[in-house]
N, C-alpha and C. Protein backbone atom coordinates (compact mmCIF):
# COMPACT_ATOMS: atom_id res chain seq x y z
N MET A 1 -107.02 148.67 -61.63
CA MET A 1 -105.82 148.21 -60.85
C MET A 1 -106.25 147.26 -59.92
N ARG A 2 -105.50 146.24 -59.67
CA ARG A 2 -105.70 145.26 -58.78
C ARG A 2 -105.49 145.64 -57.24
N ALA A 3 -106.23 145.15 -56.28
CA ALA A 3 -105.82 145.53 -55.02
C ALA A 3 -104.64 144.79 -54.58
N GLY A 4 -103.77 145.59 -53.88
CA GLY A 4 -102.56 144.89 -53.44
C GLY A 4 -101.42 145.05 -54.37
N ALA A 5 -101.61 145.33 -55.60
CA ALA A 5 -100.51 145.40 -56.59
C ALA A 5 -99.90 146.91 -56.50
N PRO A 6 -98.66 146.94 -56.84
CA PRO A 6 -97.97 148.27 -56.63
C PRO A 6 -98.39 149.10 -57.75
N PRO A 7 -98.51 150.49 -57.42
CA PRO A 7 -99.05 151.36 -58.38
C PRO A 7 -98.10 151.60 -59.42
N SER A 8 -98.70 151.69 -60.65
CA SER A 8 -97.66 151.85 -61.76
C SER A 8 -97.39 153.29 -62.03
N ARG A 9 -96.22 153.54 -62.56
CA ARG A 9 -95.81 155.10 -62.76
C ARG A 9 -96.22 155.44 -64.12
N GLY A 10 -97.23 156.15 -64.24
CA GLY A 10 -97.81 156.79 -65.50
C GLY A 10 -98.41 155.57 -66.34
N GLY A 11 -98.49 154.52 -66.06
CA GLY A 11 -99.17 153.45 -66.85
C GLY A 11 -98.50 153.27 -68.16
N HIS A 12 -97.28 153.78 -68.29
CA HIS A 12 -96.58 153.45 -69.65
C HIS A 12 -95.28 152.54 -69.57
N GLU A 13 -95.53 151.37 -68.65
CA GLU A 13 -94.39 150.56 -68.45
C GLU A 13 -94.28 149.69 -69.82
N THR A 14 -92.98 149.44 -70.05
CA THR A 14 -92.70 148.66 -71.18
C THR A 14 -91.64 147.54 -70.68
N ASN A 15 -91.77 146.41 -71.34
CA ASN A 15 -90.72 145.35 -71.06
C ASN A 15 -89.52 145.65 -71.94
N LEU A 16 -88.26 145.84 -71.36
CA LEU A 16 -87.06 146.22 -72.14
C LEU A 16 -86.26 145.07 -72.04
N PRO A 17 -85.65 144.72 -73.34
CA PRO A 17 -84.79 143.52 -73.26
C PRO A 17 -83.54 143.72 -72.60
N THR A 18 -83.03 142.67 -71.98
CA THR A 18 -81.72 142.86 -71.26
C THR A 18 -80.43 142.82 -72.21
N GLU A 19 -80.55 142.28 -73.23
CA GLU A 19 -79.63 142.05 -74.24
C GLU A 19 -79.45 143.25 -75.10
N GLN A 20 -78.27 143.81 -75.30
CA GLN A 20 -78.18 144.79 -76.28
C GLN A 20 -78.03 144.32 -77.75
N GLN A 21 -78.30 145.17 -78.62
CA GLN A 21 -78.20 144.83 -79.97
C GLN A 21 -76.58 145.18 -80.28
N ALA A 22 -76.25 144.43 -81.27
CA ALA A 22 -74.62 144.53 -81.51
C ALA A 22 -74.25 146.13 -81.90
N SER A 23 -75.01 146.81 -82.49
CA SER A 23 -74.69 148.29 -82.79
C SER A 23 -74.66 149.03 -81.45
N GLU A 24 -75.24 148.86 -80.55
CA GLU A 24 -75.24 149.52 -79.23
C GLU A 24 -74.26 148.95 -78.28
N GLU A 25 -73.76 147.92 -78.49
CA GLU A 25 -72.70 147.26 -77.51
C GLU A 25 -71.62 148.12 -77.10
N ASN A 26 -70.96 148.76 -78.07
CA ASN A 26 -69.70 149.51 -78.04
C ASN A 26 -70.06 151.02 -78.32
N ALA A 27 -71.22 151.46 -77.74
CA ALA A 27 -71.64 152.89 -78.08
C ALA A 27 -70.77 153.97 -77.75
N ARG A 28 -70.03 153.78 -76.82
CA ARG A 28 -69.04 154.89 -76.32
C ARG A 28 -67.65 154.87 -77.09
N ILE A 29 -67.30 153.83 -77.78
CA ILE A 29 -66.13 153.77 -78.51
C ILE A 29 -66.46 154.51 -79.98
N PRO A 30 -65.70 155.57 -80.33
CA PRO A 30 -66.03 156.14 -81.56
C PRO A 30 -65.73 155.34 -82.78
N SER A 31 -66.56 155.39 -83.75
CA SER A 31 -66.32 154.69 -84.93
C SER A 31 -65.19 155.26 -85.82
N ALA A 32 -64.76 154.52 -86.88
CA ALA A 32 -63.87 154.91 -87.77
C ALA A 32 -64.25 156.12 -88.55
N ASP A 33 -65.48 156.25 -88.83
CA ASP A 33 -65.98 157.33 -89.74
C ASP A 33 -66.52 158.44 -88.78
N GLY A 34 -66.03 158.59 -87.59
CA GLY A 34 -66.51 159.72 -86.61
C GLY A 34 -65.93 160.99 -87.00
N ASP A 35 -66.39 162.10 -86.47
CA ASP A 35 -65.93 163.34 -86.76
C ASP A 35 -64.38 163.59 -86.38
N ALA A 36 -63.47 163.64 -87.27
CA ALA A 36 -62.14 163.82 -87.01
C ALA A 36 -61.70 165.21 -86.81
N GLY A 37 -62.69 166.20 -87.08
CA GLY A 37 -62.37 167.51 -86.91
C GLY A 37 -62.28 168.08 -85.51
N TRP A 38 -62.74 167.40 -84.56
CA TRP A 38 -62.67 167.78 -83.19
C TRP A 38 -61.28 167.46 -82.69
N SER A 39 -60.73 168.27 -81.77
CA SER A 39 -59.40 167.99 -81.14
C SER A 39 -59.55 166.91 -80.05
N ARG A 40 -58.58 166.27 -79.91
CA ARG A 40 -58.56 165.19 -78.91
C ARG A 40 -58.51 165.61 -77.39
N GLY A 41 -58.19 166.86 -77.21
CA GLY A 41 -58.33 167.45 -75.90
C GLY A 41 -56.93 167.26 -75.21
N ASP A 42 -55.93 166.62 -75.88
CA ASP A 42 -54.72 166.44 -75.18
C ASP A 42 -53.67 167.42 -75.91
N GLN A 43 -54.16 168.26 -76.74
CA GLN A 43 -53.23 169.19 -77.32
C GLN A 43 -53.45 170.59 -76.68
N ALA A 44 -52.31 171.32 -76.40
CA ALA A 44 -52.47 172.74 -76.13
C ALA A 44 -53.02 173.53 -77.03
N PRO A 45 -53.66 174.62 -76.52
CA PRO A 45 -54.27 175.64 -77.58
C PRO A 45 -53.24 176.29 -78.28
N ALA A 46 -53.44 176.88 -79.56
CA ALA A 46 -52.38 177.51 -80.14
C ALA A 46 -52.21 178.85 -79.44
N ARG A 47 -50.90 179.25 -79.27
CA ARG A 47 -50.44 180.47 -78.60
C ARG A 47 -50.44 181.60 -79.49
N GLU A 48 -50.90 182.78 -79.10
CA GLU A 48 -50.84 184.11 -79.86
C GLU A 48 -49.48 184.77 -79.55
N GLY A 49 -49.20 185.61 -80.44
CA GLY A 49 -48.05 186.47 -80.33
C GLY A 49 -46.76 185.83 -80.69
N SER A 50 -45.65 186.54 -80.57
CA SER A 50 -44.36 186.02 -81.06
C SER A 50 -43.84 185.03 -79.90
N GLN A 51 -43.28 184.03 -80.38
CA GLN A 51 -42.65 183.03 -79.38
C GLN A 51 -41.17 183.21 -79.07
N ALA A 52 -40.88 183.05 -77.89
CA ALA A 52 -39.32 183.21 -77.53
C ALA A 52 -38.60 182.17 -78.22
N PRO A 53 -37.48 182.55 -79.04
CA PRO A 53 -36.80 181.54 -79.77
C PRO A 53 -35.63 180.78 -78.98
N ASP A 54 -35.29 181.56 -77.86
CA ASP A 54 -34.33 180.96 -77.06
C ASP A 54 -34.69 180.16 -75.89
N ARG A 55 -35.39 179.03 -75.98
CA ARG A 55 -35.85 178.25 -74.95
C ARG A 55 -34.78 177.18 -74.58
N LEU A 56 -34.79 176.76 -73.34
CA LEU A 56 -33.86 175.66 -72.87
C LEU A 56 -34.14 174.44 -73.39
N GLY A 57 -33.20 173.75 -73.87
CA GLY A 57 -33.50 172.14 -74.16
C GLY A 57 -33.79 171.30 -73.04
N ALA A 58 -34.21 170.19 -73.14
CA ALA A 58 -34.65 169.23 -72.01
C ALA A 58 -33.42 169.05 -71.14
N ALA A 59 -32.26 168.81 -71.69
CA ALA A 59 -31.08 168.46 -70.86
C ALA A 59 -30.71 169.73 -70.05
N GLU A 60 -30.72 170.88 -70.70
CA GLU A 60 -30.47 172.09 -69.92
C GLU A 60 -31.33 172.46 -68.79
N ALA A 61 -32.60 172.29 -68.98
CA ALA A 61 -33.61 172.43 -68.12
C ALA A 61 -33.48 171.49 -66.94
N ALA A 62 -33.16 170.26 -67.21
CA ALA A 62 -32.92 169.21 -66.11
C ALA A 62 -31.86 169.55 -65.34
N ALA A 63 -30.56 169.97 -65.87
CA ALA A 63 -29.35 170.32 -65.08
C ALA A 63 -29.73 171.48 -64.33
N LEU A 64 -30.36 172.43 -64.84
CA LEU A 64 -30.82 173.77 -64.10
C LEU A 64 -31.53 173.46 -62.89
N SER A 65 -32.63 172.63 -63.17
CA SER A 65 -33.45 172.39 -62.01
C SER A 65 -32.82 171.50 -60.90
N ARG A 66 -31.98 170.65 -61.39
CA ARG A 66 -31.30 169.81 -60.32
C ARG A 66 -30.49 170.72 -59.38
N ALA A 67 -29.73 171.73 -60.05
CA ALA A 67 -28.86 172.70 -59.32
C ALA A 67 -29.68 173.48 -58.40
N GLN A 68 -30.85 173.85 -58.76
CA GLN A 68 -31.62 174.71 -57.94
C GLN A 68 -32.71 174.15 -57.11
N ARG A 69 -32.75 172.68 -56.94
CA ARG A 69 -33.67 172.18 -56.11
C ARG A 69 -33.20 172.34 -54.71
N PHE A 70 -34.31 172.04 -53.67
CA PHE A 70 -34.01 172.07 -52.35
C PHE A 70 -33.79 170.67 -51.94
N PRO A 71 -32.56 170.12 -51.78
CA PRO A 71 -32.20 168.64 -51.47
C PRO A 71 -32.76 168.21 -50.14
N ARG A 72 -32.92 166.99 -50.07
CA ARG A 72 -33.53 166.41 -48.82
C ARG A 72 -32.60 166.60 -47.74
N LYS A 73 -31.26 166.59 -47.90
CA LYS A 73 -30.33 166.84 -46.76
C LYS A 73 -30.49 168.26 -46.15
N LEU A 74 -31.14 169.08 -46.85
CA LEU A 74 -31.33 170.39 -46.03
C LEU A 74 -32.68 170.65 -45.56
N ARG A 75 -33.57 169.65 -45.44
CA ARG A 75 -34.96 169.60 -44.94
C ARG A 75 -35.00 168.94 -43.72
N LEU A 76 -35.96 169.54 -42.85
CA LEU A 76 -36.32 168.80 -41.65
C LEU A 76 -37.63 168.14 -42.17
N ARG A 77 -37.56 166.75 -42.02
CA ARG A 77 -38.73 166.00 -42.60
C ARG A 77 -39.58 165.15 -41.61
N GLN A 78 -38.94 165.01 -40.30
CA GLN A 78 -39.75 164.15 -39.35
C GLN A 78 -40.26 164.96 -38.30
N ARG A 79 -41.40 164.59 -37.90
CA ARG A 79 -42.06 165.31 -36.71
C ARG A 79 -41.17 165.39 -35.51
N ARG A 80 -40.41 164.34 -35.18
CA ARG A 80 -39.51 164.50 -33.93
C ARG A 80 -38.60 165.55 -34.16
N ASP A 81 -38.11 165.83 -35.34
CA ASP A 81 -37.09 166.87 -35.59
C ASP A 81 -37.74 168.15 -35.33
N PHE A 82 -38.80 168.39 -35.67
CA PHE A 82 -39.62 169.68 -35.47
C PHE A 82 -39.94 169.80 -33.95
N LEU A 83 -40.33 168.88 -33.25
CA LEU A 83 -40.48 168.87 -31.85
C LEU A 83 -39.21 169.19 -31.10
N ARG A 84 -38.26 168.58 -31.59
CA ARG A 84 -36.81 168.85 -30.89
C ARG A 84 -36.41 170.26 -30.93
N VAL A 85 -36.53 170.79 -32.27
CA VAL A 85 -36.10 172.13 -32.40
C VAL A 85 -37.03 173.12 -31.60
N GLU A 86 -38.37 172.71 -31.46
CA GLU A 86 -39.39 173.52 -30.72
C GLU A 86 -38.98 173.54 -29.27
N ARG A 87 -38.52 172.35 -28.83
CA ARG A 87 -38.23 172.20 -27.35
C ARG A 87 -36.94 172.82 -26.96
N ILE A 88 -35.90 172.55 -27.79
CA ILE A 88 -34.50 173.08 -27.36
C ILE A 88 -34.15 174.23 -27.99
N GLY A 89 -34.65 174.60 -29.14
CA GLY A 89 -34.08 175.74 -30.03
C GLY A 89 -34.39 177.21 -29.39
N ARG A 90 -33.72 178.06 -30.05
CA ARG A 90 -33.86 179.47 -29.62
C ARG A 90 -35.01 180.11 -30.48
N ARG A 91 -35.94 180.81 -29.89
CA ARG A 91 -37.22 181.22 -30.49
C ARG A 91 -36.94 182.72 -30.57
N VAL A 92 -37.07 183.30 -31.85
CA VAL A 92 -37.04 184.63 -32.30
C VAL A 92 -38.39 184.99 -33.18
N GLY A 93 -39.09 186.06 -32.75
CA GLY A 93 -40.36 186.21 -33.48
C GLY A 93 -40.35 187.59 -34.18
N GLY A 94 -40.95 187.65 -35.18
CA GLY A 94 -41.16 188.90 -36.01
C GLY A 94 -42.54 189.21 -36.31
N ALA A 95 -42.71 190.20 -37.23
CA ALA A 95 -44.24 190.51 -37.58
C ALA A 95 -44.83 189.39 -38.25
N SER A 96 -44.17 188.76 -39.22
CA SER A 96 -44.74 187.74 -39.99
C SER A 96 -44.37 186.22 -39.87
N PHE A 97 -43.24 186.08 -39.09
CA PHE A 97 -42.59 184.81 -39.05
C PHE A 97 -42.10 184.65 -37.57
N VAL A 98 -41.85 183.43 -37.12
CA VAL A 98 -41.42 183.08 -35.87
C VAL A 98 -40.18 182.07 -36.38
N VAL A 99 -38.94 182.24 -35.98
CA VAL A 99 -37.86 181.32 -36.31
C VAL A 99 -37.38 180.67 -35.14
N LEU A 100 -37.38 179.24 -35.07
CA LEU A 100 -36.82 178.45 -34.06
C LEU A 100 -35.48 177.93 -34.58
N LEU A 101 -34.38 178.17 -33.87
CA LEU A 101 -32.99 177.71 -34.39
C LEU A 101 -32.31 176.86 -33.31
N GLN A 102 -31.96 175.72 -33.75
CA GLN A 102 -31.21 174.79 -32.77
C GLN A 102 -29.78 174.53 -33.35
N ALA A 103 -28.74 174.93 -32.81
CA ALA A 103 -27.29 174.70 -33.32
C ALA A 103 -27.06 173.20 -33.50
N ARG A 104 -26.15 172.96 -34.39
CA ARG A 104 -25.79 171.58 -34.79
C ARG A 104 -24.30 171.54 -34.66
N ALA A 105 -23.78 170.38 -34.06
CA ALA A 105 -22.22 170.12 -34.00
C ALA A 105 -21.71 169.98 -35.33
N ASP A 106 -22.27 169.53 -36.25
CA ASP A 106 -21.69 169.10 -37.58
C ASP A 106 -21.68 170.50 -38.47
N GLY A 107 -22.28 171.53 -38.06
CA GLY A 107 -22.21 172.64 -38.87
C GLY A 107 -23.24 172.63 -40.16
N ALA A 108 -23.99 171.71 -40.20
CA ALA A 108 -25.02 171.68 -41.31
C ALA A 108 -26.14 172.47 -40.89
N SER A 109 -27.08 172.86 -42.12
CA SER A 109 -28.16 173.65 -41.79
C SER A 109 -29.22 172.84 -42.53
N ARG A 110 -30.45 172.87 -41.89
CA ARG A 110 -31.50 172.22 -42.34
C ARG A 110 -32.89 173.19 -41.98
N LEU A 111 -33.85 173.06 -42.83
CA LEU A 111 -35.10 173.93 -42.63
C LEU A 111 -36.35 173.09 -42.61
N GLY A 112 -37.22 173.44 -41.71
CA GLY A 112 -38.58 173.03 -41.56
C GLY A 112 -39.53 174.19 -41.63
N ILE A 113 -40.61 173.99 -42.28
CA ILE A 113 -41.66 175.18 -42.55
C ILE A 113 -43.05 174.78 -42.01
N THR A 114 -43.64 175.65 -41.25
CA THR A 114 -45.06 175.36 -40.71
C THR A 114 -45.71 176.49 -41.16
N VAL A 115 -46.85 176.31 -42.01
CA VAL A 115 -47.82 177.37 -42.39
C VAL A 115 -49.25 176.87 -42.07
N SER A 116 -49.84 177.43 -41.13
CA SER A 116 -51.25 177.08 -40.83
C SER A 116 -52.28 177.76 -41.74
N ARG A 117 -53.44 177.40 -41.53
CA ARG A 117 -54.66 177.84 -42.34
C ARG A 117 -54.91 179.31 -42.03
N ARG A 118 -54.35 179.92 -40.97
CA ARG A 118 -54.57 181.17 -40.54
C ARG A 118 -53.84 182.14 -41.61
N VAL A 119 -52.88 181.66 -42.29
CA VAL A 119 -52.22 182.46 -43.28
C VAL A 119 -52.98 182.61 -44.44
N GLY A 120 -53.84 181.74 -44.90
CA GLY A 120 -54.80 181.83 -46.01
C GLY A 120 -55.07 180.42 -46.64
N GLY A 121 -55.45 180.46 -47.79
CA GLY A 121 -55.98 179.27 -48.36
C GLY A 121 -54.77 178.47 -48.92
N ALA A 122 -54.90 177.38 -49.48
CA ALA A 122 -53.89 176.49 -49.94
C ALA A 122 -52.91 177.16 -50.97
N VAL A 123 -53.43 178.14 -51.76
CA VAL A 123 -52.54 178.72 -52.79
C VAL A 123 -51.66 179.66 -51.98
N VAL A 124 -52.12 180.36 -51.10
CA VAL A 124 -51.35 181.31 -50.29
C VAL A 124 -50.36 180.68 -49.47
N ARG A 125 -50.77 179.47 -48.64
CA ARG A 125 -49.93 178.80 -47.86
C ARG A 125 -48.68 178.27 -48.74
N ASN A 126 -49.01 177.65 -49.93
CA ASN A 126 -47.94 177.04 -50.72
C ASN A 126 -47.03 178.12 -51.18
N ARG A 127 -47.46 179.46 -51.55
CA ARG A 127 -46.54 180.42 -51.94
C ARG A 127 -45.77 180.91 -50.93
N VAL A 128 -46.24 180.99 -49.62
CA VAL A 128 -45.43 181.32 -48.48
C VAL A 128 -44.22 180.32 -48.32
N LYS A 129 -44.51 179.00 -48.50
CA LYS A 129 -43.65 177.98 -48.22
C LYS A 129 -42.56 178.07 -49.35
N ARG A 130 -42.96 178.32 -50.61
CA ARG A 130 -41.90 178.46 -51.71
C ARG A 130 -41.16 179.71 -51.51
N LEU A 131 -41.61 180.80 -50.94
CA LEU A 131 -40.73 182.02 -50.77
C LEU A 131 -39.73 181.78 -49.56
N VAL A 132 -40.17 180.99 -48.54
CA VAL A 132 -39.33 180.65 -47.50
C VAL A 132 -38.25 179.72 -47.86
N ARG A 133 -38.62 178.65 -48.75
CA ARG A 133 -37.64 177.85 -49.11
C ARG A 133 -36.61 178.46 -50.10
N GLU A 134 -37.08 179.37 -50.80
CA GLU A 134 -36.18 180.03 -51.86
C GLU A 134 -35.24 180.89 -51.10
N THR A 135 -35.72 181.58 -50.02
CA THR A 135 -34.86 182.60 -49.26
C THR A 135 -33.73 181.70 -48.53
N PHE A 136 -34.22 180.42 -48.10
CA PHE A 136 -33.09 179.42 -47.40
C PHE A 136 -32.24 178.97 -48.43
N ARG A 137 -32.70 178.63 -49.48
CA ARG A 137 -31.89 178.01 -50.51
C ARG A 137 -30.74 179.04 -51.09
N ARG A 138 -31.19 180.17 -51.22
CA ARG A 138 -30.17 181.07 -51.80
C ARG A 138 -29.29 181.51 -50.71
N ARG A 139 -29.61 181.62 -49.50
CA ARG A 139 -28.68 182.24 -48.43
C ARG A 139 -28.26 181.21 -47.32
N TRP A 140 -28.44 180.03 -47.45
CA TRP A 140 -28.15 179.24 -46.24
C TRP A 140 -26.67 179.11 -45.95
N ARG A 141 -25.84 179.53 -46.81
CA ARG A 141 -24.36 179.44 -46.46
C ARG A 141 -24.07 180.60 -45.54
N ASP A 142 -24.75 181.75 -45.69
CA ASP A 142 -24.48 182.97 -44.90
C ASP A 142 -25.32 182.87 -43.56
N LEU A 143 -26.08 181.99 -43.38
CA LEU A 143 -27.02 181.88 -42.15
C LEU A 143 -26.32 181.11 -41.09
N PRO A 144 -26.64 181.25 -39.72
CA PRO A 144 -26.09 180.45 -38.73
C PRO A 144 -26.42 178.91 -38.89
N ALA A 145 -25.50 178.14 -38.77
CA ALA A 145 -25.64 176.70 -39.05
C ALA A 145 -26.58 176.09 -37.73
N GLY A 146 -27.48 175.24 -38.24
CA GLY A 146 -28.31 174.50 -37.30
C GLY A 146 -29.73 174.30 -37.95
N ASP A 147 -30.59 173.50 -37.11
CA ASP A 147 -31.86 173.17 -37.73
C ASP A 147 -32.80 174.40 -37.43
N ALA A 148 -33.54 174.87 -38.38
CA ALA A 148 -34.28 176.01 -38.33
C ALA A 148 -35.82 175.63 -38.63
N VAL A 149 -36.65 176.06 -37.78
CA VAL A 149 -38.14 175.87 -38.17
C VAL A 149 -38.75 177.18 -38.20
N VAL A 150 -39.31 177.53 -39.42
CA VAL A 150 -40.03 178.74 -39.63
C VAL A 150 -41.50 178.61 -39.59
N ILE A 151 -42.14 179.35 -38.59
CA ILE A 151 -43.60 179.35 -38.54
C ILE A 151 -44.20 180.68 -39.04
N ALA A 152 -45.12 180.59 -40.03
CA ALA A 152 -45.50 181.59 -40.75
C ALA A 152 -46.73 182.10 -39.86
N ARG A 153 -46.90 183.43 -39.61
CA ARG A 153 -47.96 184.09 -38.96
C ARG A 153 -48.91 184.53 -40.21
N ALA A 154 -50.14 185.11 -39.65
CA ALA A 154 -51.13 185.39 -40.58
C ALA A 154 -50.83 186.50 -41.64
N ALA A 155 -49.77 187.47 -41.26
CA ALA A 155 -49.41 188.55 -42.03
C ALA A 155 -48.44 187.94 -43.20
N ALA A 156 -47.86 186.95 -43.09
CA ALA A 156 -46.94 186.42 -44.04
C ALA A 156 -47.57 186.24 -45.32
N GLY A 157 -48.86 185.90 -45.49
CA GLY A 157 -49.44 185.79 -46.75
C GLY A 157 -49.55 187.06 -47.70
N ARG A 158 -49.34 188.09 -47.11
CA ARG A 158 -49.45 189.42 -47.75
C ARG A 158 -48.11 189.84 -48.19
N LEU A 159 -46.93 189.23 -47.86
CA LEU A 159 -45.82 189.81 -48.16
C LEU A 159 -45.20 189.36 -49.71
N ASP A 160 -44.43 190.19 -50.19
CA ASP A 160 -43.77 189.74 -51.53
C ASP A 160 -42.36 189.08 -51.10
N ALA A 161 -41.76 188.60 -52.18
CA ALA A 161 -40.53 187.74 -52.03
C ALA A 161 -39.41 188.55 -51.21
N ALA A 162 -39.19 189.88 -51.62
CA ALA A 162 -38.16 190.76 -50.92
C ALA A 162 -38.49 190.93 -49.53
N ALA A 163 -39.64 191.12 -49.11
CA ALA A 163 -39.98 191.28 -47.65
C ALA A 163 -39.85 189.98 -46.95
N VAL A 164 -40.27 188.86 -47.52
CA VAL A 164 -40.03 187.58 -46.86
C VAL A 164 -38.53 187.35 -46.57
N GLY A 165 -37.81 187.60 -47.66
CA GLY A 165 -36.43 187.30 -47.56
C GLY A 165 -35.60 188.27 -46.38
N GLU A 166 -36.05 189.48 -46.49
CA GLU A 166 -35.43 190.45 -45.49
C GLU A 166 -35.78 190.13 -44.23
N GLU A 167 -37.11 189.76 -43.86
CA GLU A 167 -37.52 189.32 -42.46
C GLU A 167 -36.84 188.18 -41.86
N LEU A 168 -36.80 187.09 -42.81
CA LEU A 168 -36.27 185.77 -42.51
C LEU A 168 -34.85 186.01 -42.08
N VAL A 169 -34.05 186.63 -42.85
CA VAL A 169 -32.52 186.63 -42.78
C VAL A 169 -32.37 187.52 -41.38
N ASN A 170 -33.11 188.55 -41.19
CA ASN A 170 -33.06 189.33 -39.95
C ASN A 170 -33.18 188.28 -38.70
N LEU A 171 -34.32 187.54 -38.82
CA LEU A 171 -34.70 186.73 -37.65
C LEU A 171 -33.66 185.55 -37.60
N TRP A 172 -33.13 185.05 -38.63
CA TRP A 172 -32.19 183.86 -38.54
C TRP A 172 -30.94 184.42 -37.76
N ARG A 173 -30.47 185.69 -38.27
CA ARG A 173 -29.22 186.29 -37.69
C ARG A 173 -29.41 186.63 -36.20
N ARG A 174 -30.67 187.17 -35.77
CA ARG A 174 -30.88 187.30 -34.51
C ARG A 174 -30.92 185.96 -33.55
N ALA A 175 -31.50 185.12 -34.04
CA ALA A 175 -31.55 183.75 -33.55
C ALA A 175 -30.17 183.16 -33.18
N GLY A 176 -29.30 183.37 -34.28
CA GLY A 176 -27.90 182.86 -34.35
C GLY A 176 -27.11 183.67 -33.25
N ALA A 177 -27.31 184.90 -33.11
CA ALA A 177 -26.68 185.68 -32.29
C ALA A 177 -27.09 185.38 -30.81
N ALA A 178 -28.30 185.13 -30.56
CA ALA A 178 -28.75 184.86 -29.29
C ALA A 178 -28.21 183.46 -28.77
N GLN A 179 -27.91 182.55 -29.78
CA GLN A 179 -27.44 181.13 -29.47
C GLN A 179 -25.90 181.28 -29.07
N GLY A 180 -25.32 182.38 -29.57
CA GLY A 180 -23.78 182.54 -29.34
C GLY A 180 -23.50 182.89 -27.96
N ARG A 181 -24.57 183.36 -27.15
CA ARG A 181 -24.33 183.83 -25.74
C ARG A 181 -23.88 182.59 -24.87
């Protein structure tokens, strides 16, 4: 080895050409005579057992989902609305939720939801939000009118749908009754 020359790695260096041969140029693209027996990966695996014969058609499913959505007009979406309800609204707390309710002159009801990491991981937080939205969606006509912000406490992640609905309806009614004073 010469003095000042970089050390060679293992002494097995080879000059490699920079141009690829024609057969290697598109090596990642499968050839026409490739193995056609493998699935492409975009197909769902075969299901076992009997299949339900009475599935909804695409039009029926779309109509059903539109009717059951939580429309934008029923949501609190901007930070300033959340802060206004927190500043002015009536606060009522329970074991798993806190409800802030601010009356509206037009009689409309809107919902905002806050679920922190204390409640649980992303799956648990999303589940709690879905349960709160579902409770509001099913019962908003019977609840006091106004902008409501629901804050979930740590215990909310362990509740089932019935317990969430029961506690929220009680809190909404208490907040509405306290506003009527």
